[in-house]
Protein backbone atom coordinates (compact mmCIF):
# COMPACT_ATOMS: atom_id res chain seq x y z
CA UNK A 1 1.16 35.11 34.05
CA UNK A 2 2.13 32.67 36.45
CA UNK A 3 4.18 29.72 36.04
CA UNK A 4 1.38 26.66 35.70
CA UNK A 5 -0.45 29.47 33.03
CA UNK A 6 3.38 29.16 31.03
CA UNK A 7 3.60 25.84 31.09
CA UNK A 8 0.53 25.06 30.19
CA UNK A 9 0.55 23.53 26.49
CA UNK A 10 -2.34 24.91 24.29
CA UNK A 11 -4.18 22.55 22.34
CA UNK A 12 -3.70 20.99 19.82
CA UNK A 13 -6.20 22.06 16.31
CA UNK A 14 -8.83 19.49 15.39
CA UNK A 15 -8.27 18.74 11.45
CA UNK A 16 -10.86 17.64 9.64
CA UNK A 17 -10.54 15.64 5.80
CA UNK A 18 -11.13 18.11 2.70
CA UNK A 19 -13.59 17.17 0.04
CA UNK A 20 -10.00 17.15 -2.46
CA UNK A 21 -8.70 14.42 0.23
CA UNK A 22 -12.16 12.33 0.43
CA UNK A 23 -11.82 12.40 -3.68
CA UNK A 24 -8.80 11.05 -3.40
CA UNK A 25 -9.83 8.38 -1.19
CA UNK A 26 -12.44 6.94 -3.48
CA UNK A 27 -10.82 7.66 -6.69
CA UNK A 28 -8.04 5.80 -5.61
CA UNK A 29 -9.68 3.03 -4.22
CA UNK A 30 -11.74 2.53 -7.35
CA UNK A 31 -8.20 2.46 -9.06
CA UNK A 32 -7.39 -0.93 -6.17
CA UNK A 33 -10.33 -2.18 -7.25
CA UNK A 34 -9.92 -2.07 -10.78
CA UNK A 35 -13.22 -0.27 -11.25
CA UNK A 36 -11.13 2.64 -13.69
CA UNK A 37 -8.56 0.51 -15.12
CA UNK A 38 -4.98 0.94 -16.05
CA UNK A 39 -5.16 3.05 -19.45
CA UNK A 40 -8.60 4.28 -18.76
CA UNK A 41 -9.33 8.23 -19.28
CA UNK A 42 -11.37 10.33 -16.64
CA UNK A 43 -14.08 12.34 -17.59
CA UNK A 44 -13.83 14.86 -14.83
CA UNK A 45 -18.10 15.95 -15.46
CA UNK A 46 -18.90 12.24 -15.11
CA UNK A 47 -16.83 12.13 -11.71
CA UNK A 48 -17.68 15.15 -10.18
CA UNK A 49 -21.62 13.86 -10.48
CA UNK A 50 -20.66 10.25 -9.72
CA UNK A 51 -18.96 11.96 -6.11
CA UNK A 52 -20.38 14.38 -5.58
CA UNK A 53 -18.21 17.61 -5.55
CA UNK A 54 -17.81 20.74 -7.80
CA UNK A 55 -14.98 20.94 -10.21
CA UNK A 56 -12.54 22.41 -7.77
CA UNK A 57 -12.84 20.23 -5.15
CA UNK A 58 -12.63 17.03 -7.93
CA UNK A 59 -9.75 18.40 -9.97
CA UNK A 60 -7.75 19.57 -6.89
CA UNK A 61 -8.39 15.83 -4.97
CA UNK A 62 -6.74 14.07 -8.50
CA UNK A 63 -4.05 16.44 -8.32
CA UNK A 64 -3.31 14.76 -5.57
CA UNK A 65 -3.16 11.44 -6.75
CA UNK A 66 -0.96 12.59 -10.21
CA UNK A 67 1.47 13.93 -8.10
CA UNK A 68 1.14 10.06 -6.31
CA UNK A 69 1.49 8.91 -9.60
CA UNK A 70 -1.86 6.76 -10.15
CA UNK A 71 -2.39 9.13 -13.01
CA UNK A 72 -0.77 10.38 -16.14
CA UNK A 73 -1.56 14.23 -17.40
CA UNK A 74 -1.08 14.46 -21.14
CA UNK A 75 -1.30 17.35 -22.37
CA UNK A 76 -4.26 18.08 -24.53
CA UNK A 77 -5.92 14.49 -23.85
CA UNK A 78 -6.63 14.83 -20.42
CA UNK A 79 -5.74 11.75 -17.02
CA UNK A 80 -5.10 8.90 -17.37
CA UNK A 81 -5.05 6.18 -14.77
CA UNK A 82 -1.33 4.73 -15.62
CA UNK A 83 -0.72 1.11 -16.30
CA UNK A 84 1.04 -1.18 -14.84
CA UNK A 85 4.12 -1.38 -17.01
CA UNK A 86 6.75 -4.45 -15.96
CA UNK A 87 9.26 -1.45 -15.83
CA UNK A 88 6.59 0.66 -13.17
CA UNK A 89 6.44 -2.42 -11.18
CA UNK A 90 9.95 -3.02 -10.48
CA UNK A 91 10.60 0.52 -9.98
CA UNK A 92 7.24 0.43 -7.33
CA UNK A 93 9.39 -2.87 -5.38
CA UNK A 94 12.42 -0.78 -5.43
CA UNK A 95 10.48 1.63 -3.34
CA UNK A 96 8.05 -0.70 -1.52
CA UNK A 97 11.06 -2.62 -0.42
CA UNK A 98 13.05 0.92 0.45
CA UNK A 99 9.72 1.45 2.73
CA UNK A 100 9.10 -2.13 4.03
CA UNK A 101 12.71 -2.01 4.74
CA UNK A 102 13.12 0.99 7.15
CA UNK A 103 9.74 -0.23 8.82
CA UNK A 104 11.24 -3.16 9.86
CA UNK A 105 14.29 -1.43 11.09
CA UNK A 106 11.25 0.48 13.71
CA UNK A 107 9.21 -2.70 14.54
CA UNK A 108 12.99 -4.31 15.81
CA UNK A 109 13.49 -0.83 18.47
CA UNK A 110 10.03 -1.34 20.00
CA UNK A 111 8.00 -5.14 20.26
CA UNK A 112 9.10 -7.34 17.92
CA UNK A 113 7.89 -10.16 19.19
CA UNK A 114 4.76 -8.77 19.98
CA UNK A 115 4.36 -7.58 16.16
CA UNK A 116 5.26 -11.05 14.93
CA UNK A 117 2.42 -12.43 16.36
CA UNK A 118 0.51 -10.13 14.94
CA UNK A 119 1.63 -10.86 11.60
CA UNK A 120 1.71 -14.52 12.45
CA UNK A 121 -2.00 -14.43 13.33
CA UNK A 122 -2.26 -13.13 9.64
CA UNK A 123 -0.25 -15.64 8.08
CA UNK A 124 -2.35 -18.57 8.73
CA UNK A 125 -5.89 -16.51 7.63
CA UNK A 126 -3.40 -16.84 4.66
CA UNK A 127 -2.76 -20.15 4.90
CA UNK A 128 -6.13 -20.88 5.20
CA UNK A 129 -7.36 -19.37 2.09
CA UNK A 130 -5.10 -20.84 -0.36
CA UNK A 131 -5.94 -23.88 1.16
CA UNK A 132 -9.41 -23.58 0.06
CA UNK A 133 -8.08 -22.43 -2.86
CA UNK A 134 -8.98 -19.00 -3.09
CA UNK A 135 -6.11 -17.20 -4.33
CA UNK A 136 -8.53 -14.03 -4.01
CA UNK A 137 -8.37 -14.35 -0.83
CA UNK A 138 -4.55 -15.00 -0.32
CA UNK A 139 -3.70 -11.65 -1.92
CA UNK A 140 -5.87 -9.39 0.00
CA UNK A 141 -3.94 -11.21 3.32
CA UNK A 142 -0.98 -10.80 0.99
CA UNK A 143 -1.56 -7.07 1.17
CA UNK A 144 -2.70 -7.17 5.28
CA UNK A 145 -0.04 -8.63 5.64
CA UNK A 146 2.29 -5.70 4.33
CA UNK A 147 -0.35 -3.54 4.86
CA UNK A 148 0.41 -4.10 9.08
CA UNK A 149 3.77 -4.68 8.91
CA UNK A 150 4.15 -1.20 7.88
CA UNK A 151 1.87 0.94 10.04
CA UNK A 152 3.70 -0.55 13.18
CA UNK A 153 6.40 0.71 12.75
CA UNK A 154 4.45 4.13 13.87
CA UNK A 155 5.93 6.08 11.19
CA UNK A 156 3.17 8.89 9.78
CA UNK A 157 5.20 9.28 6.34
CA UNK A 158 5.62 5.48 5.73
CA UNK A 159 2.54 4.93 5.89
CA UNK A 160 1.33 7.52 3.67
CA UNK A 161 4.04 6.11 0.86
CA UNK A 162 3.09 2.83 1.40
CA UNK A 163 -0.53 3.24 0.76
CA UNK A 164 0.23 4.31 -3.15
CA UNK A 165 2.29 1.32 -3.10
CA UNK A 166 -0.12 -1.08 -2.09
CA UNK A 167 -2.41 0.88 -5.14
CA UNK A 168 0.25 -0.05 -7.84
CA UNK A 169 1.10 -3.57 -5.95
CA UNK A 170 -2.94 -4.65 -6.71
CA UNK A 171 -2.58 -2.97 -10.12
CA UNK A 172 0.49 -4.58 -10.82
CA UNK A 173 -1.38 -7.59 -9.45
CA UNK A 174 -4.38 -8.16 -11.64
CA UNK A 175 -2.31 -6.18 -15.32
CA UNK A 176 0.67 -8.69 -15.05
CA UNK A 177 -0.74 -11.70 -13.32
CA UNK A 178 -4.44 -12.17 -12.51
CA UNK A 179 -4.24 -15.35 -11.45
CA UNK A 180 -0.30 -15.26 -8.97
CA UNK A 181 0.44 -18.33 -8.89
CA UNK A 182 2.48 -19.89 -6.56
CA UNK A 183 0.52 -19.33 -3.08
CA UNK A 184 1.39 -22.10 -1.08
CA UNK A 185 5.02 -20.19 -1.79
CA UNK A 186 3.67 -16.95 -0.64
CA UNK A 187 2.84 -18.31 2.51
CA UNK A 188 5.92 -19.56 3.20
CA UNK A 189 7.69 -16.28 2.61
CA UNK A 190 5.41 -14.27 5.14
CA UNK A 191 5.63 -16.80 7.53
CA UNK A 192 8.92 -16.83 8.10
CA UNK A 193 9.14 -12.69 7.84
CA UNK A 194 6.78 -12.77 10.66
CA UNK A 195 8.78 -15.51 12.53
CA UNK A 196 12.13 -13.13 12.27
CA UNK A 197 10.31 -10.75 14.20
CA UNK A 198 9.70 -13.60 16.80
CA UNK A 199 12.91 -14.44 16.78
CA UNK A 200 14.35 -10.61 17.38
CA UNK A 201 16.54 -10.88 14.52
CA UNK A 202 16.68 -7.46 12.61
CA UNK A 203 19.16 -8.81 9.64
CA UNK A 204 16.84 -11.98 9.45
CA UNK A 205 13.56 -10.01 8.89
CA UNK A 206 15.89 -7.77 6.28
CA UNK A 207 16.67 -10.91 3.92
CA UNK A 208 13.72 -12.53 3.85
CA UNK A 209 11.96 -8.94 2.85
CA UNK A 210 14.65 -8.36 -0.12
CA UNK A 211 14.46 -11.93 -1.37
CA UNK A 212 10.21 -12.13 -1.39
CA UNK A 213 10.78 -8.44 -2.78
CA UNK A 214 12.84 -10.17 -5.48
CA UNK A 215 10.83 -12.90 -5.94
CA UNK A 216 7.49 -10.82 -6.82
CA UNK A 217 9.50 -8.71 -8.90
CA UNK A 218 10.46 -12.23 -11.08
CA UNK A 219 6.42 -13.72 -10.87
CA UNK A 220 4.98 -10.24 -12.34
CA UNK A 221 7.39 -9.28 -14.61
CA UNK A 222 8.29 -12.63 -15.89
CA UNK A 223 6.89 -13.63 -19.74
């Protein structure tokens, strides 16, 4: 073997998404949209028919969502979509805070100004929807902001964890506070976070993220 052959790196295999993974994605999206509301029971036969898959990959896909915490398996009863109680919302935001603060730390080690500019564009869109009295649009921009924040960290593991947390966030907003008022406050909080990246101030980003999460928990769980 020549030295060139010894140094040659093998090609990485091409991975194709499994049927079970696609099932998990479809059901997760349905939960996120509210098509499968909190507390609803999932029927395997009906889901298999709708998705056009056999029971094997269907069960594997649903098992993935059970492991993620989006589905609850009750012995002798079946699978149910979790209900977003105030306790679950608080716990979910504990996890979100950990993921997003870690992502922010990684962003500040790279081009934080470019990341901040990208986040500011979403904030501007959020402001426009707030001025148009479009709470649905504000909510969508809110989720997009935090999704981008974590993706900008360049960590596949953080992004995978965050995806489930954002699904639970949407569920919590729908279940505990359908109107989720206070659009002006939400815009201001997101704008400040984006600006802290532009300013290259990691301590301020971390402080603002903690305050932002605490405010969200308070509003979503207030009765």
